[in-house]
Amino acid sequence: MYLKFGEEYVASWHKAGMRIMNWDAIGALGEVVVAVAVFITLVYLTFQIRQNTRSVKAAAVQAAMISASSTYAALAYDAEMSRIYWEGLSNFKSLPRDERRRFATYMASTLKPMQNLLVQTRLGTLDYDDWEGERNELVRHFSQPRTQTWWAKGEAAFGRELVEFIKSDILPKCRNPAT
């Protein structure tokens, strides 16, 4: 008979050579199952965090590059702005007052994305290689004496980190350092 209760049931298992697990053994087995589940969960979370980190980095690079590209596009699509920019680099004082303001605004709009890239690089969101090309672009800009003249007046509009970076890393590499 299959339905036996109490001691008779246990005795029939022992006669057949089987053992009944006690609660300690069941608890230990449960702990092993939970430990395996926790390990699998941690592996999964590690994978998800890495994927998320890659996505965040990609989005940061894309946003910074779009911002930087839009400032350069202003020169490509606006002949007057292009003229003001190049004239401002060669002879800033010859520009009328309103064009000097446009030149200054353009320069600020060029450097704000650079400031963002620098901060993102320092935070580890961007790789140094992504920043390197923009850093070289800063050296090219600041090799122009007029950019340095503009910067001397306009640096207060930027964060301390960018100001210090330009002073310590960019200006020493320029062809025509400000005197």
Foldseek 3Di string as FASTA:
>chain_A
DQDDDDPVNQVVCVVVVHHDDDPVVVVVVVVVVVVVVVVVVVVVVVVVVVVVLVVLLVVLLVVLVVQLVVLVVCLVPPVVLVVLQVCLLVPVVVDDPVSNVSNLVSLVSNCVSLLSVVVCCVVVSYPVVSNVVVLVVLLVQQLRVSSVVSCVVPVVVDDPVVVVCCVPPRQVSHPRRDD
